[in-house]
Protein backbone atom coordinates (compact mmCIF):
# COMPACT_ATOMS: atom_id res chain seq x y z
CA SER A 1 -101.63 1.09 -220.52
CA GLU A 2 -100.01 -0.57 -217.51
CA ASP A 3 -96.35 -1.50 -217.61
CA ALA A 4 -95.81 -5.20 -218.06
CA LYS A 5 -94.71 -6.93 -214.89
CA THR A 6 -92.32 -9.87 -215.09
CA GLU A 7 -92.02 -12.36 -212.26
CA TYR A 8 -89.02 -14.64 -211.92
CA PHE A 9 -88.77 -17.68 -209.66
CA ILE A 10 -85.15 -17.92 -208.57
CA THR A 11 -83.44 -20.87 -206.82
CA LEU A 12 -80.34 -20.81 -204.62
CA PHE A 13 -77.05 -19.52 -206.00
CA ASN A 14 -74.37 -22.10 -206.76
CA ASP A 15 -71.10 -21.34 -208.57
CA GLY A 16 -72.27 -17.70 -208.68
CA LEU A 17 -75.42 -18.51 -210.68
CA ALA A 18 -79.02 -19.35 -209.84
CA SER A 19 -81.47 -21.06 -212.12
CA SER A 20 -84.70 -19.21 -212.64
CA SER A 21 -87.96 -19.69 -214.46
CA ILE A 22 -90.31 -17.35 -216.25
CA TYR A 23 -93.50 -18.01 -218.15
CA ASP A 24 -93.37 -17.53 -221.92
CA ASP A 25 -95.39 -14.81 -223.68
CA ASN A 26 -98.69 -16.67 -223.55
CA GLU A 27 -98.05 -17.75 -219.91
CA SER A 28 -98.60 -21.40 -220.70
CA LYS A 29 -95.09 -22.74 -220.45
CA LYS A 30 -92.12 -21.99 -218.20
CA LYS A 31 -88.67 -21.37 -219.63
CA TYR A 32 -85.50 -21.55 -217.57
CA GLY A 33 -82.29 -19.55 -217.54
CA TYR A 34 -79.71 -18.25 -215.06
CA PHE A 35 -79.02 -15.05 -213.11
CA ASN A 36 -75.73 -13.96 -211.57
CA GLU A 37 -75.53 -12.56 -208.04
CA LYS A 38 -76.29 -9.04 -209.36
CA PHE A 39 -79.56 -10.47 -210.73
CA GLU A 40 -78.41 -9.99 -214.33
CA VAL A 41 -79.50 -12.61 -216.85
CA VAL A 42 -76.31 -14.39 -217.92
CA ILE A 43 -77.83 -17.47 -219.60
CA ASP A 44 -81.02 -16.81 -221.55
CA PHE A 45 -84.38 -18.38 -220.78
CA VAL A 46 -84.31 -21.07 -223.45
CA TYR A 47 -84.46 -24.29 -221.46
CA ASP A 48 -87.46 -26.47 -220.57
CA ASP A 49 -85.83 -27.27 -217.21
CA ALA A 50 -82.60 -26.28 -215.47
CA ASN A 51 -80.79 -27.52 -212.37
CA GLY A 52 -78.33 -25.65 -210.21
CA PHE A 53 -74.65 -25.52 -211.05
CA ASN A 54 -72.16 -27.85 -209.44
CA ASN A 55 -68.44 -27.63 -210.12
CA GLY A 56 -69.14 -25.29 -213.05
CA LEU A 57 -71.71 -27.57 -214.74
CA ALA A 58 -75.51 -27.76 -214.74
CA ILE A 59 -78.02 -30.22 -216.16
CA VAL A 60 -80.57 -28.61 -218.47
CA LYS A 61 -83.41 -29.93 -220.61
CA GLN A 62 -84.22 -28.68 -224.10
CA ASN A 63 -86.29 -30.33 -226.84
CA ASN A 64 -86.80 -33.52 -224.79
CA SER A 65 -83.06 -34.02 -224.24
CA TYR A 66 -80.91 -33.43 -221.18
CA PHE A 67 -77.32 -32.24 -221.39
CA LEU A 68 -74.64 -30.37 -219.43
CA ILE A 69 -73.81 -26.69 -219.86
CA ASP A 70 -70.97 -24.67 -218.39
CA THR A 71 -71.36 -21.30 -216.63
CA SER A 72 -71.25 -19.47 -219.96
CA GLY A 73 -74.21 -21.51 -221.26
CA LYS A 74 -72.10 -23.58 -223.64
CA LYS A 75 -73.28 -27.16 -224.18
CA VAL A 76 -70.51 -29.49 -222.98
CA SER A 77 -72.01 -32.99 -223.24
CA LYS A 78 -73.99 -35.14 -225.62
CA ASP A 79 -77.77 -35.50 -225.38
CA TYR A 80 -79.38 -37.89 -222.91
CA TYR A 81 -82.92 -39.21 -222.39
CA SER A 82 -82.22 -38.75 -218.69
CA LEU A 83 -79.26 -37.26 -216.85
CA THR A 84 -78.81 -37.29 -213.07
CA TYR A 85 -76.14 -36.00 -210.73
CA ASP A 86 -75.20 -38.16 -207.73
CA TYR A 87 -74.07 -35.64 -205.09
CA GLU A 88 -72.70 -38.26 -202.72
CA ASN A 89 -70.43 -39.90 -205.31
CA LYS A 90 -69.88 -36.80 -207.50
CA VAL A 91 -70.78 -38.51 -210.79
CA TYR A 92 -73.42 -38.13 -213.51
CA TYR A 93 -75.51 -40.98 -214.94
CA GLY A 94 -76.97 -40.57 -218.40
CA HIS A 95 -79.13 -42.67 -220.76
CA VAL A 96 -77.67 -41.94 -224.20
CA VAL A 97 -80.02 -40.60 -226.91
CA THR A 98 -77.94 -41.73 -229.91
CA ASN A 99 -77.62 -45.27 -228.61
CA ASN A 100 -80.85 -46.35 -226.97
CA SER A 101 -79.20 -49.28 -225.19
CA SER A 102 -76.30 -47.41 -223.59
CA TYR A 103 -75.70 -45.54 -220.35
CA ASP A 104 -72.77 -43.26 -219.59
CA LEU A 105 -71.02 -42.48 -216.32
CA LEU A 106 -69.44 -39.02 -216.24
CA ASN A 107 -67.14 -37.62 -213.58
CA ASN A 108 -67.69 -34.37 -211.67
CA ASN A 109 -66.11 -32.45 -214.59
CA GLY A 110 -68.50 -33.99 -217.14
CA GLU A 111 -65.84 -36.27 -218.65
CA LEU A 112 -66.89 -39.73 -219.81
CA LEU A 113 -65.67 -42.47 -217.47
CA CYS A 114 -67.40 -45.50 -218.99
CA SER A 115 -70.42 -46.73 -220.94
CA TYR A 116 -72.48 -49.86 -220.34
CA ARG A 117 -75.77 -51.36 -221.39
CA GLU A 118 -77.10 -50.32 -217.95
CA ILE A 119 -75.64 -48.46 -214.98
CA HIS A 120 -77.55 -48.57 -211.70
CA LYS A 121 -77.34 -46.19 -208.77
CA PHE A 122 -74.22 -46.31 -206.58
CA SER A 123 -74.39 -47.96 -203.20
CA TYR A 124 -71.35 -48.22 -200.90
CA GLY A 125 -69.15 -46.84 -203.72
CA TYR A 126 -70.20 -49.41 -206.33
CA ALA A 127 -72.78 -49.46 -209.11
CA VAL A 128 -74.18 -52.55 -210.78
CA VAL A 129 -73.60 -52.56 -214.55
CA CYS A 130 -75.00 -54.73 -217.29
CA ILE A 131 -72.07 -55.68 -219.51
CA ASP A 132 -74.23 -57.62 -221.97
CA GLU A 133 -77.46 -59.58 -221.77
CA GLN A 134 -75.89 -62.33 -219.65
CA LYS A 135 -73.07 -60.60 -217.79
CA TYR A 136 -73.24 -58.20 -214.87
CA GLY A 137 -70.58 -56.59 -212.75
CA LEU A 138 -69.68 -53.74 -210.44
CA ILE A 139 -67.90 -50.48 -211.19
CA ASN A 140 -66.36 -48.06 -208.72
CA THR A 141 -66.87 -44.28 -208.81
CA ASN A 142 -63.94 -43.96 -211.23
CA GLY A 143 -65.83 -46.13 -213.72
CA GLU A 144 -63.43 -49.05 -213.32
CA LEU A 145 -64.90 -52.53 -213.62
CA VAL A 146 -64.00 -54.22 -210.32
CA LEU A 147 -66.22 -57.29 -210.54
CA SER A 148 -67.44 -58.98 -213.72
CA GLU A 149 -68.61 -62.17 -215.36
CA TYR A 150 -71.65 -62.76 -213.15
CA LEU A 151 -75.15 -63.74 -214.28
CA TYR A 152 -76.62 -61.44 -211.65
CA VAL A 153 -75.32 -58.81 -209.23
CA ASP A 154 -77.49 -57.11 -206.63
CA SER A 155 -76.83 -53.61 -205.25
CA PHE A 156 -75.19 -53.45 -201.83
CA ARG A 157 -77.56 -53.24 -198.88
CA PHE A 158 -76.32 -52.98 -195.32
CA GLY A 159 -72.78 -53.59 -196.64
CA TYR A 160 -73.56 -56.85 -198.46
CA SER A 161 -74.51 -57.98 -201.95
CA VAL A 162 -75.54 -61.23 -203.59
CA VAL A 163 -74.03 -62.35 -206.89
CA ILE A 164 -74.83 -65.37 -209.02
CA ASP A 165 -71.90 -66.95 -210.85
CA LYS A 166 -71.89 -68.82 -214.18
CA ASP A 167 -72.68 -72.08 -212.36
CA TYR A 168 -75.76 -70.46 -210.75
CA ASN A 169 -74.19 -70.37 -207.30
CA SER A 170 -75.63 -67.66 -205.07
CA ILE A 171 -72.75 -65.96 -203.24
CA THR A 172 -72.77 -63.23 -200.57
CA ILE A 173 -69.98 -60.62 -200.83
CA ASP A 174 -69.05 -57.64 -198.69
CA THR A 175 -67.90 -54.16 -199.75
CA SER A 176 -64.28 -55.35 -199.96
CA LEU A 177 -65.64 -57.73 -202.68
CA LYS A 178 -64.65 -60.68 -200.54
CA GLU A 179 -66.75 -63.83 -200.95
CA LEU A 180 -68.36 -64.55 -197.58
CA TYR A 181 -70.66 -67.46 -198.20
CA ASN A 182 -71.59 -69.62 -201.17
CA PHE A 183 -75.18 -70.80 -200.83
CA GLY A 184 -74.81 -73.18 -203.76
CA SER A 185 -76.81 -73.50 -206.93
CA THR A 186 -79.94 -71.42 -207.35
CA ARG A 187 -81.07 -73.47 -210.31
CA ILE A 188 -84.33 -75.29 -209.94
CA LYS A 189 -83.82 -78.95 -210.71
CA TYR A 190 -86.68 -81.08 -212.05
């Protein structure tokens, strides 16, 4: 009988570990784990997906949930339907499993900064958040609400955003959150 041959698919090393995949026994499904720089398995192949480490944390998927683990393989966050790391702003966005209508913003250390009904991608250091069904605002990368009480807030593009206030006025703002121009009411009058 021939010796069994195992093939691993290893990614780049980060924080001294590299995620890797291997097919399960029946070769129908990949499982993911982590190797150290000596190519020793340090986190077993139990995940359905695994990202590289960043600042001692990695996003993994198991049983249809995403969560953060540390370099020892210990789970260090709650479960999310989706979990993404924003490399530019050094924050995580997660859609919470236990509360279907909630999103979390986590800092680079995996600590909860804030939760909102929705959190959109950061642009120019701000993310649009849905406070409730009729209120939107902006948060900064620390999770602080810096603009609120608007009916609509658009993401920044080319350094500008459009907000709609409670009186349906369409207002252009810049990244200093200064009001530049009020275009007046956007309500359609009959």
